[in-house]
Amino acid sequence: MKAVRRLGKTPQERGDTTAATGSPDIIELDDGDFAVIGTDITDQIGINPLPDARCATDERIVKISRATLISAKSDIPEQ
């Protein structure tokens, strides 16, 4: 598995990073899937955040900034 590109602006361009913290990001993988770098909030929100949403034991719920997702909008494929 390999990261091939970032969706949206860099964390520095969005102002979402410092030298001491991580950087929220959305990354496209070489198999066409996507990965998200964010803050793990699974313990705070619970494994059932909505009645029809469940986090499996091998999954984590991560939070990314609004700016991260909005800046990626134009890079998200239609299909």
PDB file of N, CA and C in Angstrom:
ATOM      1  N   MET A   1       0.846  -1.170   0.000  1.00  0.00           N
ATOM      2  CA  MET A   1       0.000   0.000   0.000  1.00  0.00           C
ATOM      3  C   MET A   1       0.893   1.235   0.000  1.00  0.00           C
ATOM      4  N   LYS A   2       0.496   2.222  -0.814  1.00  0.00           N
ATOM      5  CA  LYS A   2       1.308   3.420  -0.945  1.00  0.00           C
ATOM      6  C   LYS A   2       0.413   4.645  -1.120  1.00  0.00           C
ATOM      7  N   ALA A   3       0.791   5.751  -0.502  1.00  0.00           N
ATOM      8  CA  ALA A   3       0.097   7.022  -0.703  1.00  0.00           C
ATOM      9  C   ALA A   3       0.543   7.606  -2.040  1.00  0.00           C
ATOM     10  N   VAL A   4      -0.426   8.089  -2.837  1.00  0.00           N
ATOM     11  CA  VAL A   4      -0.070   8.638  -4.145  1.00  0.00           C
ATOM     12  C   VAL A   4      -0.271  10.151  -4.236  1.00  0.00           C
ATOM     13  N   ARG A   5      -1.216  10.697  -3.467  1.00  0.00           N
ATOM     14  CA  ARG A   5      -1.401  12.149  -3.501  1.00  0.00           C
ATOM     15  C   ARG A   5      -2.244  12.623  -2.334  1.00  0.00           C
ATOM     16  N   ARG A   6      -2.143  13.884  -2.044  1.00  0.00           N
ATOM     17  CA  ARG A   6      -2.954  14.553  -1.027  1.00  0.00           C
ATOM     18  C   ARG A   6      -4.185  15.130  -1.716  1.00  0.00           C
ATOM     19  N   LEU A   7      -5.300  15.117  -1.040  1.00  0.00           N
ATOM     20  CA  LEU A   7      -6.485  15.803  -1.519  1.00  0.00           C
ATOM     21  C   LEU A   7      -6.576  17.138  -0.789  1.00  0.00           C
ATOM     22  N   GLY A   8      -6.668  18.202  -1.527  1.00  0.00           N
ATOM     23  CA  GLY A   8      -6.779  19.526  -0.927  1.00  0.00           C
ATOM     24  C   GLY A   8      -5.432  20.167  -0.674  1.00  0.00           C
ATOM     25  N   LYS A   9      -5.473  21.245   0.089  1.00  0.00           N
ATOM     26  CA  LYS A   9      -4.280  22.018   0.406  1.00  0.00           C
ATOM     27  C   LYS A   9      -3.429  21.304   1.452  1.00  0.00           C
ATOM     28  N   THR A  10      -2.159  21.681   1.513  1.00  0.00           N
ATOM     29  CA  THR A  10      -1.289  21.128   2.542  1.00  0.00           C
ATOM     30  C   THR A  10      -1.729  21.657   3.908  1.00  0.00           C
ATOM     31  N   PRO A  11      -1.401  20.939   4.977  1.00  0.00           N
ATOM     32  CA  PRO A  11      -1.742  21.435   6.310  1.00  0.00           C
ATOM     33  C   PRO A  11      -1.160  22.831   6.573  1.00  0.00           C
ATOM     34  N   GLN A  12       0.020  23.097   6.058  1.00  0.00           N
ATOM     35  CA  GLN A  12       0.630  24.410   6.240  1.00  0.00           C
ATOM     36  C   GLN A  12      -0.190  25.498   5.547  1.00  0.00           C
ATOM     37  N   GLU A  13      -0.682  25.214   4.333  1.00  0.00           N
ATOM     38  CA  GLU A  13      -1.507  26.182   3.607  1.00  0.00           C
ATOM     39  C   GLU A  13      -2.814  26.471   4.346  1.00  0.00           C
ATOM     40  N   ARG A  14      -3.355  25.453   5.034  1.00  0.00           N
ATOM     41  CA  ARG A  14      -4.610  25.632   5.778  1.00  0.00           C
ATOM     42  C   ARG A  14      -4.380  26.209   7.159  1.00  0.00           C
ATOM     43  N   GLY A  15      -3.144  26.206   7.635  1.00  0.00           N
ATOM     44  CA  GLY A  15      -2.866  26.651   8.997  1.00  0.00           C
ATOM     45  C   GLY A  15      -3.271  25.632  10.038  1.00  0.00           C
ATOM     46  N   ASP A  16      -3.285  24.342   9.657  1.00  0.00           N
ATOM     47  CA  ASP A  16      -3.725  23.258  10.536  1.00  0.00           C
ATOM     48  C   ASP A  16      -2.581  22.505  11.189  1.00  0.00           C
ATOM     49  N   THR A  17      -1.409  23.079  11.270  1.00  0.00           N
ATOM     50  CA  THR A  17      -0.285  22.347  11.842  1.00  0.00           C
ATOM     51  C   THR A  17       0.679  23.299  12.535  1.00  0.00           C
ATOM     52  N   THR A  18       1.430  22.741  13.439  1.00  0.00           N
ATOM     53  CA  THR A  18       2.546  23.462  14.056  1.00  0.00           C
ATOM     54  C   THR A  18       3.713  22.502  14.100  1.00  0.00           C
ATOM     55  N   ALA A  19       4.854  22.975  14.510  1.00  0.00           N
ATOM     56  CA  ALA A  19       6.026  22.094  14.588  1.00  0.00           C
ATOM     57  C   ALA A  19       5.849  21.011  15.647  1.00  0.00           C
ATOM     58  N   ALA A  20       4.928  21.221  16.593  1.00  0.00           N
ATOM     59  CA  ALA A  20       4.769  20.291  17.713  1.00  0.00           C
ATOM     60  C   ALA A  20       3.597  19.327  17.545  1.00  0.00           C
ATOM     61  N   THR A  21       2.742  19.538  16.555  1.00  0.00           N
ATOM     62  CA  THR A  21       1.557  18.696  16.425  1.00  0.00           C
ATOM     63  C   THR A  21       1.529  17.995  15.078  1.00  0.00           C
ATOM     64  N   GLY A  22       0.598  17.089  14.925  1.00  0.00           N
ATOM     65  CA  GLY A  22       0.406  16.409  13.651  1.00  0.00           C
ATOM     66  C   GLY A  22      -0.327  17.297  12.666  1.00  0.00           C
ATOM     67  N   SER A  23      -0.680  16.713  11.550  1.00  0.00           N
ATOM     68  CA  SER A  23      -1.300  17.476  10.483  1.00  0.00           C
ATOM     69  C   SER A  23      -2.476  16.708   9.907  1.00  0.00           C
ATOM     70  N   PRO A  24      -3.716  17.176  10.118  1.00  0.00           N
ATOM     71  CA  PRO A  24      -4.845  16.475   9.514  1.00  0.00           C
ATOM     72  C   PRO A  24      -4.704  16.470   7.994  1.00  0.00           C
ATOM     73  N   ASP A  25      -5.055  15.354   7.388  1.00  0.00           N
ATOM     74  CA  ASP A  25      -4.853  15.220   5.943  1.00  0.00           C
ATOM     75  C   ASP A  25      -5.769  14.145   5.382  1.00  0.00           C
ATOM     76  N   ILE A  26      -6.020  14.219   4.075  1.00  0.00           N
ATOM     77  CA  ILE A  26      -6.734  13.186   3.332  1.00  0.00           C
ATOM     78  C   ILE A  26      -5.810  12.762   2.205  1.00  0.00           C
ATOM     79  N   ILE A  27      -5.573  11.456   2.105  1.00  0.00           N
ATOM     80  CA  ILE A  27      -4.585  10.919   1.181  1.00  0.00           C
ATOM     81  C   ILE A  27      -5.240   9.857   0.296  1.00  0.00           C
ATOM     82  N   GLU A  28      -4.955   9.923  -1.003  1.00  0.00           N
ATOM     83  CA  GLU A  28      -5.400   8.873  -1.912  1.00  0.00           C
ATOM     84  C   GLU A  28      -4.344   7.784  -1.948  1.00  0.00           C
ATOM     85  N   LEU A  29      -4.789   6.530  -1.919  1.00  0.00           N
ATOM     86  CA  LEU A  29      -3.893   5.377  -1.931  1.00  0.00           C
ATOM     87  C   LEU A  29      -3.785   4.790  -3.330  1.00  0.00           C
ATOM     88  N   ASP A  30      -2.750   4.007  -3.563  1.00  0.00           N
ATOM     89  CA  ASP A  30      -2.510   3.451  -4.895  1.00  0.00           C
ATOM     90  C   ASP A  30      -3.577   2.453  -5.346  1.00  0.00           C
ATOM     91  N   ASP A  31      -4.403   1.967  -4.433  1.00  0.00           N
ATOM     92  CA  ASP A  31      -5.493   1.066  -4.829  1.00  0.00           C
ATOM     93  C   ASP A  31      -6.803   1.814  -5.087  1.00  0.00           C
ATOM     94  N   GLY A  32      -6.764   3.172  -5.010  1.00  0.00           N
ATOM     95  CA  GLY A  32      -7.951   3.979  -5.262  1.00  0.00           C
ATOM     96  C   GLY A  32      -8.722   4.338  -4.007  1.00  0.00           C
ATOM     97  N   ASP A  33      -8.418   3.718  -2.882  1.00  0.00           N
ATOM     98  CA  ASP A  33      -9.061   4.063  -1.616  1.00  0.00           C
ATOM     99  C   ASP A  33      -8.406   5.303  -1.016  1.00  0.00           C
ATOM    100  N   PHE A  34      -8.932   5.749   0.120  1.00  0.00           N
ATOM    101  CA  PHE A  34      -8.439   6.952   0.768  1.00  0.00           C
ATOM    102  C   PHE A  34      -8.100   6.671   2.227  1.00  0.00           C
ATOM    103  N   ALA A  35      -7.172   7.432   2.757  1.00  0.00           N
ATOM    104  CA  ALA A  35      -6.812   7.361   4.172  1.00  0.00           C
ATOM    105  C   ALA A  35      -6.942   8.768   4.751  1.00  0.00           C
ATOM    106  N   VAL A  36      -7.270   8.819   6.033  1.00  0.00           N
ATOM    107  CA  VAL A  36      -7.434  10.095   6.722  1.00  0.00           C
ATOM    108  C   VAL A  36      -6.491  10.134   7.914  1.00  0.00           C
ATOM    109  N   ILE A  37      -5.754  11.234   8.029  1.00  0.00           N
ATOM    110  CA  ILE A  37      -4.937  11.483   9.212  1.00  0.00           C
ATOM    111  C   ILE A  37      -5.704  12.486  10.054  1.00  0.00           C
ATOM    112  N   GLY A  38      -6.003  12.107  11.278  1.00  0.00           N
ATOM    113  CA  GLY A  38      -6.753  12.994  12.159  1.00  0.00           C
ATOM    114  C   GLY A  38      -6.593  12.576  13.605  1.00  0.00           C
ATOM    115  N   THR A  39      -7.307  13.258  14.456  1.00  0.00           N
ATOM    116  CA  THR A  39      -7.270  12.974  15.886  1.00  0.00           C
ATOM    117  C   THR A  39      -8.245  11.852  16.215  1.00  0.00           C
ATOM    118  N   ASP A  40      -7.763  10.817  16.875  1.00  0.00           N
ATOM    119  CA  ASP A  40      -8.609   9.682  17.262  1.00  0.00           C
ATOM    120  C   ASP A  40      -9.612  10.139  18.321  1.00  0.00           C
ATOM    121  N   ILE A  41     -10.901  10.084  17.983  1.00  0.00           N
ATOM    122  CA  ILE A  41     -11.959  10.495  18.926  1.00  0.00           C
ATOM    123  C   ILE A  41     -12.898   9.337  19.255  1.00  0.00           C
ATOM    124  N   THR A  42     -12.476   8.117  18.950  1.00  0.00           N
ATOM    125  CA  THR A  42     -13.334   6.950  19.164  1.00  0.00           C
ATOM    126  C   THR A  42     -13.810   6.850  20.609  1.00  0.00           C
ATOM    127  N   ASP A  43     -12.907   7.018  21.553  1.00  0.00           N
ATOM    128  CA  ASP A  43     -13.290   6.900  22.964  1.00  0.00           C
ATOM    129  C   ASP A  43     -14.261   8.004  23.394  1.00  0.00           C
ATOM    130  N   GLN A  44     -14.115   9.200  22.831  1.00  0.00           N
ATOM    131  CA  GLN A  44     -14.989  10.314  23.207  1.00  0.00           C
ATOM    132  C   GLN A  44     -16.390  10.200  22.596  1.00  0.00           C
ATOM    133  N   ILE A  45     -16.468   9.736  21.337  1.00  0.00           N
ATOM    134  CA  ILE A  45     -17.752   9.711  20.638  1.00  0.00           C
ATOM    135  C   ILE A  45     -18.443   8.348  20.753  1.00  0.00           C
ATOM    136  N   GLY A  46     -17.674   7.310  21.070  1.00  0.00           N
ATOM    137  CA  GLY A  46     -18.240   5.968  21.205  1.00  0.00           C
ATOM    138  C   GLY A  46     -18.244   5.214  19.893  1.00  0.00           C
ATOM    139  N   ILE A  47     -18.380   3.894  19.994  1.00  0.00           N
ATOM    140  CA  ILE A  47     -18.326   3.070  18.784  1.00  0.00           C
ATOM    141  C   ILE A  47     -19.630   3.089  17.980  1.00  0.00           C
ATOM    142  N   ASN A  48     -20.681   3.682  18.518  1.00  0.00           N
ATOM    143  CA  ASN A  48     -21.949   3.850  17.811  1.00  0.00           C
ATOM    144  C   ASN A  48     -22.323   5.335  17.801  1.00  0.00           C
ATOM    145  N   PRO A  49     -21.652   6.147  16.972  1.00  0.00           N
ATOM    146  CA  PRO A  49     -21.912   7.578  17.006  1.00  0.00           C
ATOM    147  C   PRO A  49     -23.300   7.972  16.506  1.00  0.00           C
ATOM    148  N   LEU A  50     -23.896   7.154  15.664  1.00  0.00           N
ATOM    149  CA  LEU A  50     -25.252   7.356  15.148  1.00  0.00           C
ATOM    150  C   LEU A  50     -25.970   6.014  15.186  1.00  0.00           C
ATOM    151  N   PRO A  51     -27.301   6.006  15.189  1.00  0.00           N
ATOM    152  CA  PRO A  51     -28.014   4.728  15.250  1.00  0.00           C
ATOM    153  C   PRO A  51     -27.627   3.749  14.136  1.00  0.00           C
ATOM    154  N   ASP A  52     -27.266   4.264  12.954  1.00  0.00           N
ATOM    155  CA  ASP A  52     -26.929   3.371  11.847  1.00  0.00           C
ATOM    156  C   ASP A  52     -25.442   3.420  11.486  1.00  0.00           C
ATOM    157  N   ALA A  53     -24.603   3.843  12.426  1.00  0.00           N
ATOM    158  CA  ALA A  53     -23.150   3.887  12.210  1.00  0.00           C
ATOM    159  C   ALA A  53     -22.449   3.171  13.353  1.00  0.00           C
ATOM    160  N   ARG A  54     -21.549   2.262  12.989  1.00  0.00           N
ATOM    161  CA  ARG A  54     -20.834   1.487  14.008  1.00  0.00           C
ATOM    162  C   ARG A  54     -19.369   1.384  13.632  1.00  0.00           C
ATOM    163  N   CYS A  55     -18.520   1.509  14.614  1.00  0.00           N
ATOM    164  CA  CYS A  55     -17.069   1.405  14.436  1.00  0.00           C
ATOM    165  C   CYS A  55     -16.648  -0.020  14.805  1.00  0.00           C
ATOM    166  N   ALA A  56     -16.097  -0.748  13.842  1.00  0.00           N
ATOM    167  CA  ALA A  56     -15.653  -2.117  14.082  1.00  0.00           C
ATOM    168  C   ALA A  56     -14.394  -2.125  14.943  1.00  0.00           C
ATOM    169  N   THR A  57     -14.044  -3.285  15.457  1.00  0.00           N
ATOM    170  CA  THR A  57     -12.890  -3.385  16.352  1.00  0.00           C
ATOM    171  C   THR A  57     -11.574  -3.021  15.669  1.00  0.00           C
ATOM    172  N   ASP A  58     -11.502  -3.162  14.350  1.00  0.00           N
ATOM    173  CA  ASP A  58     -10.277  -2.797  13.641  1.00  0.00           C
ATOM    174  C   ASP A  58     -10.345  -1.390  13.031  1.00  0.00           C
ATOM    175  N   GLU A  59     -11.327  -0.590  13.440  1.00  0.00           N
ATOM    176  CA  GLU A  59     -11.504   0.762  12.938  1.00  0.00           C
ATOM    177  C   GLU A  59     -11.383   1.782  14.073  1.00  0.00           C
ATOM    178  N   ARG A  60     -11.100   3.025  13.707  1.00  0.00           N
ATOM    179  CA  ARG A  60     -11.061   4.137  14.648  1.00  0.00           C
ATOM    180  C   ARG A  60     -11.812   5.295  14.011  1.00  0.00           C
ATOM    181  N   ILE A  61     -12.449   6.116  14.804  1.00  0.00           N
ATOM    182  CA  ILE A  61     -13.122   7.322  14.328  1.00  0.00           C
ATOM    183  C   ILE A  61     -12.147   8.474  14.524  1.00  0.00           C
ATOM    184  N   VAL A  62     -11.869   9.183  13.433  1.00  0.00           N
ATOM    185  CA  VAL A  62     -10.918  10.288  13.519  1.00  0.00           C
ATOM    186  C   VAL A  62     -11.594  11.595  13.147  1.00  0.00           C
ATOM    187  N   LYS A  63     -11.115  12.652  13.768  1.00  0.00           N
ATOM    188  CA  LYS A  63     -11.629  14.000  13.517  1.00  0.00           C
ATOM    189  C   LYS A  63     -10.615  14.751  12.668  1.00  0.00           C
ATOM    190  N   ILE A  64     -11.117  15.398  11.606  1.00  0.00           N
ATOM    191  CA  ILE A  64     -10.281  16.294  10.810  1.00  0.00           C
ATOM    192  C   ILE A  64     -10.941  17.671  10.843  1.00  0.00           C
ATOM    193  N   SER A  65     -10.160  18.681  10.594  1.00  0.00           N
ATOM    194  CA  SER A  65     -10.731  20.033  10.614  1.00  0.00           C
ATOM    195  C   SER A  65     -11.665  20.232   9.425  1.00  0.00           C
ATOM    196  N   ARG A  66     -12.597  21.124   9.594  1.00  0.00           N
ATOM    197  CA  ARG A  66     -13.516  21.477   8.514  1.00  0.00           C
ATOM    198  C   ARG A  66     -12.726  21.956   7.296  1.00  0.00           C
ATOM    199  N   ALA A  67     -11.685  22.755   7.546  1.00  0.00           N
ATOM    200  CA  ALA A  67     -10.865  23.281   6.455  1.00  0.00           C
ATOM    201  C   ALA A  67     -10.213  22.158   5.652  1.00  0.00           C
ATOM    202  N   THR A  68      -9.836  21.065   6.314  1.00  0.00           N
ATOM    203  CA  THR A  68      -9.222  19.930   5.620  1.00  0.00           C
ATOM    204  C   THR A  68     -10.195  19.333   4.610  1.00  0.00           C
ATOM    205  N   LEU A  69     -11.411  19.068   5.033  1.00  0.00           N
ATOM    206  CA  LEU A  69     -12.396  18.460   4.135  1.00  0.00           C
ATOM    207  C   LEU A  69     -12.820  19.424   3.035  1.00  0.00           C
ATOM    208  N   ILE A  70     -13.077  20.662   3.376  1.00  0.00           N
ATOM    209  CA  ILE A  70     -13.510  21.641   2.376  1.00  0.00           C
ATOM    210  C   ILE A  70     -12.433  21.858   1.317  1.00  0.00           C
ATOM    211  N   SER A  71     -11.172  21.900   1.728  1.00  0.00           N
ATOM    212  CA  SER A  71     -10.103  22.119   0.743  1.00  0.00           C
ATOM    213  C   SER A  71      -9.929  20.913  -0.169  1.00  0.00           C
ATOM    214  N   ALA A  72     -10.374  19.738   0.264  1.00  0.00           N
ATOM    215  CA  ALA A  72     -10.253  18.524  -0.548  1.00  0.00           C
ATOM    216  C   ALA A  72     -11.417  18.342  -1.521  1.00  0.00           C
ATOM    217  N   LYS A  73     -12.475  19.100  -1.347  1.00  0.00           N
ATOM    218  CA  LYS A  73     -13.697  18.897  -2.118  1.00  0.00           C
ATOM    219  C   LYS A  73     -13.451  18.828  -3.636  1.00  0.00           C
ATOM    220  N   SER A  74     -12.658  19.742  -4.159  1.00  0.00           N
ATOM    221  CA  SER A  74     -12.431  19.766  -5.621  1.00  0.00           C
ATOM    222  C   SER A  74     -11.576  18.590  -6.090  1.00  0.00           C
ATOM    223  N   ASP A  75     -10.857  17.938  -5.195  1.00  0.00           N
ATOM    224  CA  ASP A  75     -10.011  16.794  -5.559  1.00  0.00           C
ATOM    225  C   ASP A  75     -10.708  15.451  -5.397  1.00  0.00           C
ATOM    226  N   ILE A  76     -11.912  15.419  -4.841  1.00  0.00           N
ATOM    227  CA  ILE A  76     -12.629  14.159  -4.636  1.00  0.00           C
ATOM    228  C   ILE A  76     -13.318  13.760  -5.933  1.00  0.00           C
ATOM    229  N   PRO A  77     -12.989  12.578  -6.452  1.00  0.00           N
ATOM    230  CA  PRO A  77     -13.582  12.153  -7.721  1.00  0.00           C
ATOM    231  C   PRO A  77     -15.096  11.944  -7.597  1.00  0.00           C
ATOM    232  N   GLU A  78     -15.781  12.115  -8.716  1.00  0.00           N
ATOM    233  CA  GLU A  78     -17.230  11.871  -8.759  1.00  0.00           C
ATOM    234  C   GLU A  78     -17.533  10.388  -8.598  1.00  0.00           C
ATOM    235  N   GLN A  79     -16.654   9.533  -9.080  1.00  0.00           N
ATOM    236  CA  GLN A  79     -16.883   8.087  -9.027  1.00  0.00           C
ATOM    237  C   GLN A  79     -15.676   7.379  -8.521  1.00  0.00           C
TER     238      GLN A  79
END
